Amino acid sequence: MAKKEIELTLIVEIDDNGDLFAKTQVNFDSKSLKTITEKAFVIYLKEILSQHAQPIVASALALAELREKLSLYEHELDD
């Protein structure tokens, strides 16, 4: 069985207002995909990634903000 590599990239752009926008990129060697299943896999992978990129970025931002708030709260407790 030949090795097949698929590279998934999540690109986060930050605009001047600080808003985050997600883009996805799926890179692969199309010549290495032989079967319909392999080709369909890549199509669905691209679709799923594009649908979930923005929620992933929003979740990561929310967790980072929560961690910052918790850190500030812990410092207040230390005082």
C-alpha atoms as a PDB file:
ATOM      1  CA  MET A   1       0.000   0.000   0.000  1.00  0.00           C
ATOM      2  CA  ALA A   2       1.435   3.346  -1.051  1.00  0.00           C
ATOM      3  CA  LYS A   3       1.769   6.135   1.450  1.00  0.00           C
ATOM      4  CA  LYS A   4      -0.615   9.025   0.890  1.00  0.00           C
ATOM      5  CA  GLU A   5      -0.197  12.367   2.597  1.00  0.00           C
ATOM      6  CA  ILE A   6      -2.947  14.915   3.087  1.00  0.00           C
ATOM      7  CA  GLU A   7      -1.985  18.223   4.634  1.00  0.00           C
ATOM      8  CA  LEU A   8      -4.687  20.131   6.520  1.00  0.00           C
ATOM      9  CA  THR A   9      -4.118  23.806   7.241  1.00  0.00           C
ATOM     10  CA  LEU A  10      -6.235  26.099   9.376  1.00  0.00           C
ATOM     11  CA  ILE A  11      -5.488  29.726   8.578  1.00  0.00           C
ATOM     12  CA  VAL A  12      -6.674  32.390  10.998  1.00  0.00           C
ATOM     13  CA  GLU A  13      -6.839  35.967   9.782  1.00  0.00           C
ATOM     14  CA  ILE A  14      -7.239  38.873  12.187  1.00  0.00           C
ATOM     15  CA  ASP A  15      -8.750  42.031  10.770  1.00  0.00           C
ATOM     16  CA  ASP A  16      -8.103  45.597  11.972  1.00  0.00           C
ATOM     17  CA  ASN A  17     -11.004  45.315  14.443  1.00  0.00           C
ATOM     18  CA  GLY A  18      -9.523  42.206  16.032  1.00  0.00           C
ATOM     19  CA  ASP A  19     -12.140  39.884  14.522  1.00  0.00           C
ATOM     20  CA  LEU A  20     -10.939  36.406  13.611  1.00  0.00           C
ATOM     21  CA  PHE A  21     -11.737  34.682  10.348  1.00  0.00           C
ATOM     22  CA  ALA A  22     -10.919  31.077   9.565  1.00  0.00           C
ATOM     23  CA  LYS A  23      -9.888  29.620   6.244  1.00  0.00           C
ATOM     24  CA  THR A  24      -8.932  26.070   5.473  1.00  0.00           C
ATOM     25  CA  GLN A  25      -6.628  24.488   2.992  1.00  0.00           C
ATOM     26  CA  VAL A  26      -6.301  20.825   2.074  1.00  0.00           C
ATOM     27  CA  ASN A  27      -3.202  19.874   0.102  1.00  0.00           C
ATOM     28  CA  PHE A  28      -2.611  16.488  -1.424  1.00  0.00           C
ATOM     29  CA  ASP A  29      -1.126  14.844  -4.477  1.00  0.00           C
ATOM     30  CA  SER A  30      -4.153  14.216  -6.674  1.00  0.00           C
ATOM     31  CA  LYS A  31      -2.200  11.594  -8.633  1.00  0.00           C
ATOM     32  CA  SER A  32      -1.905   9.449  -5.510  1.00  0.00           C
ATOM     33  CA  LEU A  33      -5.691   9.151  -5.130  1.00  0.00           C
ATOM     34  CA  LYS A  34      -6.722   6.108  -7.119  1.00  0.00           C
ATOM     35  CA  THR A  35     -10.071   4.893  -5.836  1.00  0.00           C
ATOM     36  CA  ILE A  36     -13.435   6.604  -5.663  1.00  0.00           C
ATOM     37  CA  THR A  37     -13.342   6.129  -1.880  1.00  0.00           C
ATOM     38  CA  GLU A  38     -10.043   8.012  -1.602  1.00  0.00           C
ATOM     39  CA  LYS A  39     -11.317  10.856  -3.778  1.00  0.00           C
ATOM     40  CA  ALA A  40     -14.614  11.038  -1.873  1.00  0.00           C
ATOM     41  CA  PHE A  41     -12.693  11.054   1.418  1.00  0.00           C
ATOM     42  CA  VAL A  42     -10.772  14.171   0.395  1.00  0.00           C
ATOM     43  CA  ILE A  43     -13.949  15.895  -0.816  1.00  0.00           C
ATOM     44  CA  TYR A  44     -15.739  15.224   2.481  1.00  0.00           C
ATOM     45  CA  LEU A  45     -12.658  16.149   4.481  1.00  0.00           C
ATOM     46  CA  LYS A  46     -12.529  19.544   2.744  1.00  0.00           C
ATOM     47  CA  GLU A  47     -16.247  20.083   3.353  1.00  0.00           C
ATOM     48  CA  ILE A  48     -16.136  19.146   7.020  1.00  0.00           C
ATOM     49  CA  LEU A  49     -13.050  21.268   7.635  1.00  0.00           C
ATOM     50  CA  SER A  50     -14.578  24.302   5.995  1.00  0.00           C
ATOM     51  CA  GLN A  51     -17.829  23.919   7.970  1.00  0.00           C
ATOM     52  CA  HIS A  52     -16.082  23.643  11.321  1.00  0.00           C
ATOM     53  CA  ALA A  53     -13.148  26.036  10.936  1.00  0.00           C
ATOM     54  CA  GLN A  54     -14.923  29.153  12.225  1.00  0.00           C
ATOM     55  CA  PRO A  55     -16.433  27.376  15.289  1.00  0.00           C
ATOM     56  CA  ILE A  56     -12.994  25.957  16.136  1.00  0.00           C
ATOM     57  CA  VAL A  57     -11.429  29.417  15.998  1.00  0.00           C
ATOM     58  CA  ALA A  58     -14.290  30.934  18.015  1.00  0.00           C
ATOM     59  CA  SER A  59     -13.950  28.190  20.659  1.00  0.00           C
ATOM     60  CA  ALA A  60     -10.194  28.676  20.936  1.00  0.00           C
ATOM     61  CA  LEU A  61     -10.663  32.427  21.348  1.00  0.00           C
ATOM     62  CA  ALA A  62     -13.350  31.917  24.016  1.00  0.00           C
ATOM     63  CA  LEU A  63     -11.092  29.535  25.943  1.00  0.00           C
ATOM     64  CA  ALA A  64      -8.176  31.974  25.728  1.00  0.00           C
ATOM     65  CA  GLU A  65     -10.353  34.810  27.002  1.00  0.00           C
ATOM     66  CA  LEU A  66     -11.651  32.634  29.832  1.00  0.00           C
ATOM     67  CA  ARG A  67      -8.122  31.669  30.805  1.00  0.00           C
ATOM     68  CA  GLU A  68      -7.127  35.342  30.860  1.00  0.00           C
ATOM     69  CA  LYS A  69     -10.107  36.188  33.100  1.00  0.00           C
ATOM     70  CA  LEU A  70      -9.285  33.318  35.432  1.00  0.00           C
ATOM     71  CA  SER A  71      -5.688  34.472  35.623  1.00  0.00           C
ATOM     72  CA  LEU A  72      -6.798  38.009  36.524  1.00  0.00           C
ATOM     73  CA  TYR A  73      -9.197  36.596  39.118  1.00  0.00           C
ATOM     74  CA  GLU A  74      -6.431  34.486  40.678  1.00  0.00           C
ATOM     75  CA  HIS A  75      -4.206  37.552  40.955  1.00  0.00           C
ATOM     76  CA  GLU A  76      -7.002  39.426  42.718  1.00  0.00           C
ATOM     77  CA  LEU A  77      -7.342  36.569  45.209  1.00  0.00           C
ATOM     78  CA  ASP A  78      -3.593  36.705  45.914  1.00  0.00           C
ATOM     79  CA  ASP A  79      -3.813  40.411  46.842  1.00  0.00           C
END
